[in-house]
Amino acid sequence: MSDHHQEPNQPQNLPSSSSSSSNKTPTEINNAKTETNFPGQKVRYRNPPDATNPDPATLREQWRFAIRQYSKWYSHAWGTAIFAGISFFALGWFIKGSNPLPSLQDKPPEPPSSSSSANDAKEGRQ
């Protein structure tokens, strides 16, 4: 059976109805984390700013940490881009069966010039 034993006098957690929310005061509504602000009510920030600026040593340490993080992300982004480029080049080579970049291929044989084709046509008629 159930190990939970409830007293009949204790309130149960029932879904709130519109009548129960109308009985709340503005501060109770604000504590319920709704977006409604009432006139004259102080806005509370989740992460309030510091009252004073931190000492220079702390700022220097935070700045160095931020630079290290940015450098790491920047190098990871370049590494990922280079890897993706090489991967797509290899995939193109695999699908095509040869070099997928036309600019890096050997020069194809040149078609005959237009003057020689005109001569060939004349010779064909004779």
N, C-alpha and C. Protein backbone atom coordinates (compact mmCIF):
# COMPACT_ATOMS: atom_id res chain seq x y z
N MET A 1 0.84 -1.18 0.00
CA MET A 1 0.00 0.00 0.00
C MET A 1 0.89 1.24 0.00
N SER A 2 0.29 2.36 0.20
CA SER A 2 1.04 3.61 0.17
C SER A 2 1.61 3.93 1.54
N ASP A 3 2.88 4.39 1.53
CA ASP A 3 3.51 4.80 2.78
C ASP A 3 3.14 6.21 3.18
N HIS A 4 2.52 6.96 2.27
CA HIS A 4 2.18 8.34 2.58
C HIS A 4 0.91 8.38 3.41
N HIS A 5 1.00 9.12 4.49
CA HIS A 5 -0.15 9.28 5.37
C HIS A 5 -0.48 10.76 5.41
N GLN A 6 -1.64 11.14 4.92
CA GLN A 6 -2.01 12.55 4.89
C GLN A 6 -3.02 12.86 5.98
N GLU A 7 -2.81 14.00 6.58
CA GLU A 7 -3.77 14.51 7.54
C GLU A 7 -4.92 15.15 6.78
N PRO A 8 -6.12 15.00 7.25
CA PRO A 8 -7.26 15.61 6.53
C PRO A 8 -7.24 17.13 6.58
N ASN A 9 -6.55 17.73 7.57
CA ASN A 9 -6.55 19.18 7.70
C ASN A 9 -5.49 19.84 6.81
N GLN A 10 -4.52 19.09 6.29
CA GLN A 10 -3.48 19.69 5.48
C GLN A 10 -4.01 19.97 4.08
N PRO A 11 -3.62 21.13 3.51
CA PRO A 11 -4.08 21.44 2.14
C PRO A 11 -3.34 20.56 1.14
N GLN A 12 -4.06 20.17 0.13
CA GLN A 12 -3.45 19.36 -0.92
C GLN A 12 -2.99 20.27 -2.05
N ASN A 13 -2.00 19.80 -2.81
CA ASN A 13 -1.51 20.56 -3.96
C ASN A 13 -2.44 20.35 -5.15
N LEU A 14 -3.38 21.24 -5.26
CA LEU A 14 -4.34 21.17 -6.35
C LEU A 14 -3.97 22.23 -7.38
N PRO A 15 -4.37 22.04 -8.62
CA PRO A 15 -4.11 23.08 -9.63
C PRO A 15 -4.81 24.37 -9.23
N SER A 16 -4.11 25.47 -9.45
CA SER A 16 -4.68 26.75 -9.05
C SER A 16 -5.78 27.16 -10.02
N SER A 17 -6.78 27.77 -9.51
CA SER A 17 -7.87 28.27 -10.34
C SER A 17 -7.76 29.78 -10.41
N SER A 18 -8.59 30.39 -11.22
CA SER A 18 -8.54 31.84 -11.37
C SER A 18 -8.95 32.53 -10.07
N SER A 19 -9.80 31.91 -9.27
CA SER A 19 -10.25 32.55 -8.03
C SER A 19 -9.11 32.58 -7.01
N SER A 20 -8.25 31.55 -7.00
CA SER A 20 -7.17 31.54 -6.03
C SER A 20 -6.09 32.55 -6.40
N SER A 21 -5.87 32.82 -7.71
CA SER A 21 -4.86 33.80 -8.09
C SER A 21 -5.34 35.21 -7.84
N SER A 22 -6.66 35.43 -7.83
CA SER A 22 -7.17 36.77 -7.58
C SER A 22 -7.03 37.15 -6.11
N ASN A 23 -6.84 36.18 -5.20
CA ASN A 23 -6.68 36.47 -3.78
C ASN A 23 -5.25 36.87 -3.43
N LYS A 24 -4.32 36.71 -4.35
CA LYS A 24 -2.92 37.01 -4.05
C LYS A 24 -2.66 38.50 -4.11
N THR A 25 -1.70 38.94 -3.31
CA THR A 25 -1.29 40.33 -3.35
C THR A 25 -0.23 40.51 -4.42
N PRO A 26 0.06 41.74 -4.84
CA PRO A 26 1.06 41.96 -5.89
C PRO A 26 2.43 41.37 -5.56
N THR A 27 2.86 41.41 -4.32
CA THR A 27 4.16 40.85 -3.99
C THR A 27 4.16 39.33 -4.12
N GLU A 28 3.05 38.69 -3.80
CA GLU A 28 2.96 37.24 -3.95
C GLU A 28 2.98 36.87 -5.42
N ILE A 29 2.35 37.69 -6.25
CA ILE A 29 2.36 37.42 -7.68
C ILE A 29 3.78 37.57 -8.21
N ASN A 30 4.50 38.59 -7.76
CA ASN A 30 5.88 38.80 -8.20
C ASN A 30 6.75 37.63 -7.76
N ASN A 31 6.52 37.10 -6.58
CA ASN A 31 7.30 35.96 -6.11
C ASN A 31 6.98 34.70 -6.89
N ALA A 32 5.85 34.68 -7.55
CA ALA A 32 5.48 33.53 -8.37
C ALA A 32 6.18 33.57 -9.72
N LYS A 33 7.09 34.51 -9.89
CA LYS A 33 7.93 34.67 -11.09
C LYS A 33 7.11 34.92 -12.35
N THR A 34 6.15 35.80 -12.25
CA THR A 34 5.43 36.22 -13.43
C THR A 34 6.11 37.47 -13.95
N GLU A 35 5.78 37.83 -15.18
CA GLU A 35 6.42 38.98 -15.82
C GLU A 35 5.71 40.29 -15.50
N THR A 36 4.64 40.27 -14.72
CA THR A 36 3.86 41.46 -14.44
C THR A 36 4.58 42.33 -13.41
N ASN A 37 4.75 43.61 -13.74
CA ASN A 37 5.30 44.58 -12.79
C ASN A 37 4.22 45.62 -12.51
N PHE A 38 4.08 45.99 -11.27
CA PHE A 38 3.10 46.97 -10.88
C PHE A 38 3.78 48.30 -10.64
N PRO A 39 3.06 49.41 -10.82
CA PRO A 39 3.68 50.72 -10.61
C PRO A 39 4.23 50.85 -9.19
N GLY A 40 5.40 51.39 -9.08
CA GLY A 40 6.02 51.59 -7.77
C GLY A 40 6.72 50.35 -7.26
N GLN A 41 6.70 49.29 -8.00
CA GLN A 41 7.34 48.05 -7.54
C GLN A 41 8.79 48.04 -8.01
N LYS A 42 9.71 47.68 -7.14
CA LYS A 42 11.13 47.66 -7.46
C LYS A 42 11.44 46.43 -8.31
N VAL A 43 12.18 46.64 -9.38
CA VAL A 43 12.56 45.55 -10.27
C VAL A 43 13.77 44.85 -9.68
N ARG A 44 13.72 43.52 -9.63
CA ARG A 44 14.84 42.75 -9.11
C ARG A 44 15.52 42.04 -10.25
N TYR A 45 16.84 42.22 -10.34
CA TYR A 45 17.62 41.58 -11.39
C TYR A 45 18.10 40.21 -10.92
N ARG A 46 18.20 39.27 -11.85
CA ARG A 46 18.69 37.95 -11.49
C ARG A 46 20.15 37.99 -11.11
N ASN A 47 20.94 38.79 -11.83
CA ASN A 47 22.36 38.91 -11.55
C ASN A 47 22.67 40.40 -11.38
N PRO A 48 22.47 40.94 -10.19
CA PRO A 48 22.64 42.38 -10.01
C PRO A 48 24.10 42.78 -10.17
N PRO A 49 24.36 44.02 -10.59
CA PRO A 49 25.74 44.49 -10.71
C PRO A 49 26.40 44.64 -9.35
N ASP A 50 27.73 44.58 -9.34
CA ASP A 50 28.47 44.76 -8.09
C ASP A 50 28.28 46.19 -7.58
N ALA A 51 28.31 46.34 -6.27
CA ALA A 51 28.16 47.67 -5.68
C ALA A 51 29.37 48.54 -5.99
N THR A 52 30.55 47.93 -6.01
CA THR A 52 31.79 48.67 -6.33
C THR A 52 32.58 47.89 -7.37
N ASN A 53 33.50 48.58 -8.03
CA ASN A 53 34.35 47.91 -9.00
C ASN A 53 35.35 47.03 -8.26
N PRO A 54 35.65 45.86 -8.82
CA PRO A 54 36.65 45.00 -8.16
C PRO A 54 38.05 45.61 -8.25
N ASP A 55 38.94 45.11 -7.43
CA ASP A 55 40.30 45.66 -7.41
C ASP A 55 41.00 45.33 -8.73
N PRO A 56 42.05 46.06 -9.08
CA PRO A 56 42.73 45.86 -10.36
C PRO A 56 43.28 44.44 -10.57
N ALA A 57 43.72 43.79 -9.51
CA ALA A 57 44.25 42.43 -9.66
C ALA A 57 43.15 41.47 -10.12
N THR A 58 41.97 41.62 -9.58
CA THR A 58 40.85 40.77 -9.98
C THR A 58 40.44 41.05 -11.42
N LEU A 59 40.39 42.34 -11.78
CA LEU A 59 40.06 42.69 -13.16
C LEU A 59 41.09 42.13 -14.14
N ARG A 60 42.36 42.22 -13.78
CA ARG A 60 43.43 41.69 -14.63
C ARG A 60 43.28 40.18 -14.81
N GLU A 61 42.98 39.49 -13.72
CA GLU A 61 42.79 38.04 -13.78
C GLU A 61 41.59 37.68 -14.66
N GLN A 62 40.49 38.40 -14.50
CA GLN A 62 39.30 38.15 -15.31
C GLN A 62 39.57 38.44 -16.79
N TRP A 63 40.31 39.52 -17.06
CA TRP A 63 40.64 39.87 -18.44
C TRP A 63 41.50 38.79 -19.09
N ARG A 64 42.50 38.30 -18.35
CA ARG A 64 43.36 37.23 -18.89
C ARG A 64 42.56 35.96 -19.15
N PHE A 65 41.65 35.63 -18.25
CA PHE A 65 40.82 34.45 -18.45
C PHE A 65 39.96 34.62 -19.71
N ALA A 66 39.38 35.80 -19.88
CA ALA A 66 38.53 36.06 -21.05
C ALA A 66 39.34 35.96 -22.34
N ILE A 67 40.57 36.48 -22.33
CA ILE A 67 41.42 36.40 -23.52
C ILE A 67 41.75 34.95 -23.83
N ARG A 68 42.06 34.16 -22.80
CA ARG A 68 42.38 32.74 -23.01
C ARG A 68 41.17 32.00 -23.60
N GLN A 69 39.98 32.27 -23.07
CA GLN A 69 38.78 31.62 -23.58
C GLN A 69 38.53 32.00 -25.03
N TYR A 70 38.65 33.29 -25.34
CA TYR A 70 38.41 33.75 -26.71
C TYR A 70 39.42 33.11 -27.66
N SER A 71 40.68 33.05 -27.24
CA SER A 71 41.71 32.46 -28.08
C SER A 71 41.41 30.99 -28.34
N LYS A 72 40.97 30.30 -27.32
CA LYS A 72 40.64 28.88 -27.47
C LYS A 72 39.48 28.70 -28.45
N TRP A 73 38.43 29.49 -28.30
CA TRP A 73 37.28 29.38 -29.19
C TRP A 73 37.66 29.75 -30.62
N TYR A 74 38.50 30.78 -30.76
CA TYR A 74 38.92 31.24 -32.09
C TYR A 74 39.72 30.15 -32.79
N SER A 75 40.65 29.53 -32.09
CA SER A 75 41.45 28.48 -32.70
C SER A 75 40.60 27.25 -33.00
N HIS A 76 39.65 26.94 -32.14
CA HIS A 76 38.76 25.81 -32.41
C HIS A 76 37.91 26.08 -33.66
N ALA A 77 37.46 27.32 -33.82
CA ALA A 77 36.65 27.66 -34.98
C ALA A 77 37.47 27.52 -36.26
N TRP A 78 38.72 28.00 -36.25
CA TRP A 78 39.56 27.86 -37.44
C TRP A 78 39.86 26.40 -37.71
N GLY A 79 40.16 25.64 -36.68
CA GLY A 79 40.43 24.22 -36.86
C GLY A 79 39.24 23.49 -37.46
N THR A 80 38.05 23.82 -36.98
CA THR A 80 36.83 23.20 -37.49
C THR A 80 36.61 23.58 -38.95
N ALA A 81 36.85 24.84 -39.29
CA ALA A 81 36.66 25.29 -40.67
C ALA A 81 37.64 24.60 -41.61
N ILE A 82 38.89 24.49 -41.21
CA ILE A 82 39.89 23.83 -42.05
C ILE A 82 39.55 22.35 -42.21
N PHE A 83 39.17 21.71 -41.13
CA PHE A 83 38.79 20.29 -41.19
C PHE A 83 37.60 20.09 -42.11
N ALA A 84 36.61 20.98 -42.02
CA ALA A 84 35.43 20.86 -42.88
C ALA A 84 35.81 21.05 -44.35
N GLY A 85 36.69 22.01 -44.62
CA GLY A 85 37.12 22.23 -46.00
C GLY A 85 37.83 21.02 -46.58
N ILE A 86 38.74 20.45 -45.82
CA ILE A 86 39.46 19.26 -46.28
C ILE A 86 38.49 18.09 -46.47
N SER A 87 37.54 17.96 -45.54
CA SER A 87 36.58 16.85 -45.63
C SER A 87 35.71 16.97 -46.88
N PHE A 88 35.22 18.18 -47.18
CA PHE A 88 34.40 18.36 -48.37
C PHE A 88 35.21 18.18 -49.65
N PHE A 89 36.46 18.61 -49.63
CA PHE A 89 37.33 18.38 -50.80
C PHE A 89 37.51 16.88 -51.03
N ALA A 90 37.78 16.13 -49.95
CA ALA A 90 37.96 14.68 -50.07
C ALA A 90 36.66 14.01 -50.52
N LEU A 91 35.53 14.48 -50.01
CA LEU A 91 34.25 13.91 -50.43
C LEU A 91 34.00 14.17 -51.91
N GLY A 92 34.32 15.37 -52.38
CA GLY A 92 34.17 15.69 -53.80
C GLY A 92 35.08 14.84 -54.65
N TRP A 93 36.30 14.62 -54.19
CA TRP A 93 37.25 13.78 -54.92
C TRP A 93 36.71 12.34 -54.99
N PHE A 94 36.17 11.86 -53.91
CA PHE A 94 35.64 10.50 -53.86
C PHE A 94 34.44 10.34 -54.79
N ILE A 95 33.53 11.32 -54.77
CA ILE A 95 32.32 11.24 -55.60
C ILE A 95 32.68 11.37 -57.08
N LYS A 96 33.52 12.34 -57.42
CA LYS A 96 33.86 12.58 -58.82
C LYS A 96 34.85 11.54 -59.34
N GLY A 97 35.71 11.07 -58.48
CA GLY A 97 36.72 10.11 -58.92
C GLY A 97 38.01 10.77 -59.35
N SER A 98 38.07 12.08 -59.31
CA SER A 98 39.29 12.81 -59.65
C SER A 98 39.24 14.15 -58.91
N ASN A 99 40.17 15.02 -59.24
CA ASN A 99 40.27 16.31 -58.57
C ASN A 99 38.99 17.12 -58.80
N PRO A 100 38.29 17.53 -57.72
CA PRO A 100 37.04 18.26 -57.91
C PRO A 100 37.23 19.74 -58.27
N LEU A 101 38.45 20.25 -58.13
CA LEU A 101 38.67 21.66 -58.45
C LEU A 101 39.18 21.79 -59.88
N PRO A 102 38.41 22.42 -60.77
CA PRO A 102 38.84 22.51 -62.16
C PRO A 102 40.12 23.31 -62.34
N SER A 103 40.38 24.27 -61.47
CA SER A 103 41.57 25.10 -61.63
C SER A 103 42.85 24.33 -61.33
N LEU A 104 42.78 23.22 -60.63
CA LEU A 104 43.98 22.45 -60.29
C LEU A 104 44.18 21.25 -61.22
N GLN A 105 43.34 21.10 -62.24
CA GLN A 105 43.46 19.97 -63.14
C GLN A 105 44.46 20.28 -64.25
N ASP A 106 44.93 19.21 -64.90
CA ASP A 106 45.75 19.40 -66.08
C ASP A 106 44.90 20.06 -67.16
N LYS A 107 45.59 20.79 -68.06
CA LYS A 107 44.83 21.49 -69.10
C LYS A 107 44.23 20.46 -70.06
N PRO A 108 42.94 20.59 -70.33
CA PRO A 108 42.29 19.65 -71.26
C PRO A 108 42.79 19.91 -72.68
N PRO A 109 42.69 18.93 -73.56
CA PRO A 109 43.12 19.16 -74.94
C PRO A 109 42.27 20.26 -75.57
N GLU A 110 42.96 21.16 -76.28
CA GLU A 110 42.25 22.30 -76.87
C GLU A 110 41.44 21.85 -78.08
N PRO A 111 40.24 22.36 -78.23
CA PRO A 111 39.45 22.02 -79.42
C PRO A 111 40.10 22.62 -80.66
N PRO A 112 39.86 22.07 -81.80
CA PRO A 112 40.46 22.64 -83.02
C PRO A 112 39.99 24.06 -83.22
N SER A 113 40.87 24.89 -83.80
CA SER A 113 40.52 26.29 -83.99
C SER A 113 39.45 26.43 -85.06
N SER A 114 38.80 27.56 -85.09
CA SER A 114 37.68 27.77 -86.01
C SER A 114 38.15 27.82 -87.46
N SER A 115 39.36 28.31 -87.73
CA SER A 115 39.85 28.38 -89.11
C SER A 115 40.09 26.99 -89.67
N SER A 116 40.60 26.07 -88.84
CA SER A 116 40.82 24.72 -89.33
C SER A 116 39.50 24.00 -89.55
N SER A 117 38.51 24.28 -88.75
CA SER A 117 37.21 23.64 -88.94
C SER A 117 36.56 24.13 -90.23
N ALA A 118 36.80 25.37 -90.59
CA ALA A 118 36.25 25.90 -91.84
C ALA A 118 36.93 25.21 -93.03
N ASN A 119 38.23 24.97 -92.91
CA ASN A 119 38.94 24.26 -93.98
C ASN A 119 38.46 22.84 -94.11
N ASP A 120 38.18 22.20 -92.95
CA ASP A 120 37.69 20.81 -92.96
C ASP A 120 36.34 20.75 -93.66
N ALA A 121 35.51 21.75 -93.45
CA ALA A 121 34.20 21.77 -94.08
C ALA A 121 34.32 21.90 -95.58
N LYS A 122 35.27 22.75 -96.02
CA LYS A 122 35.47 22.93 -97.46
C LYS A 122 35.95 21.63 -98.09
N GLU A 123 36.88 20.96 -97.40
CA GLU A 123 37.42 19.71 -97.94
C GLU A 123 36.35 18.64 -97.98
N GLY A 124 35.44 18.66 -97.06
CA GLY A 124 34.38 17.67 -97.02
C GLY A 124 33.40 17.82 -98.17
N ARG A 125 33.23 19.05 -98.64
CA ARG A 125 32.30 19.30 -99.74
C ARG A 125 32.89 18.88 -101.08
N GLN A 126 34.17 18.87 -101.18
CA GLN A 126 34.77 18.56 -102.49
C GLN A 126 34.75 17.15 -102.81
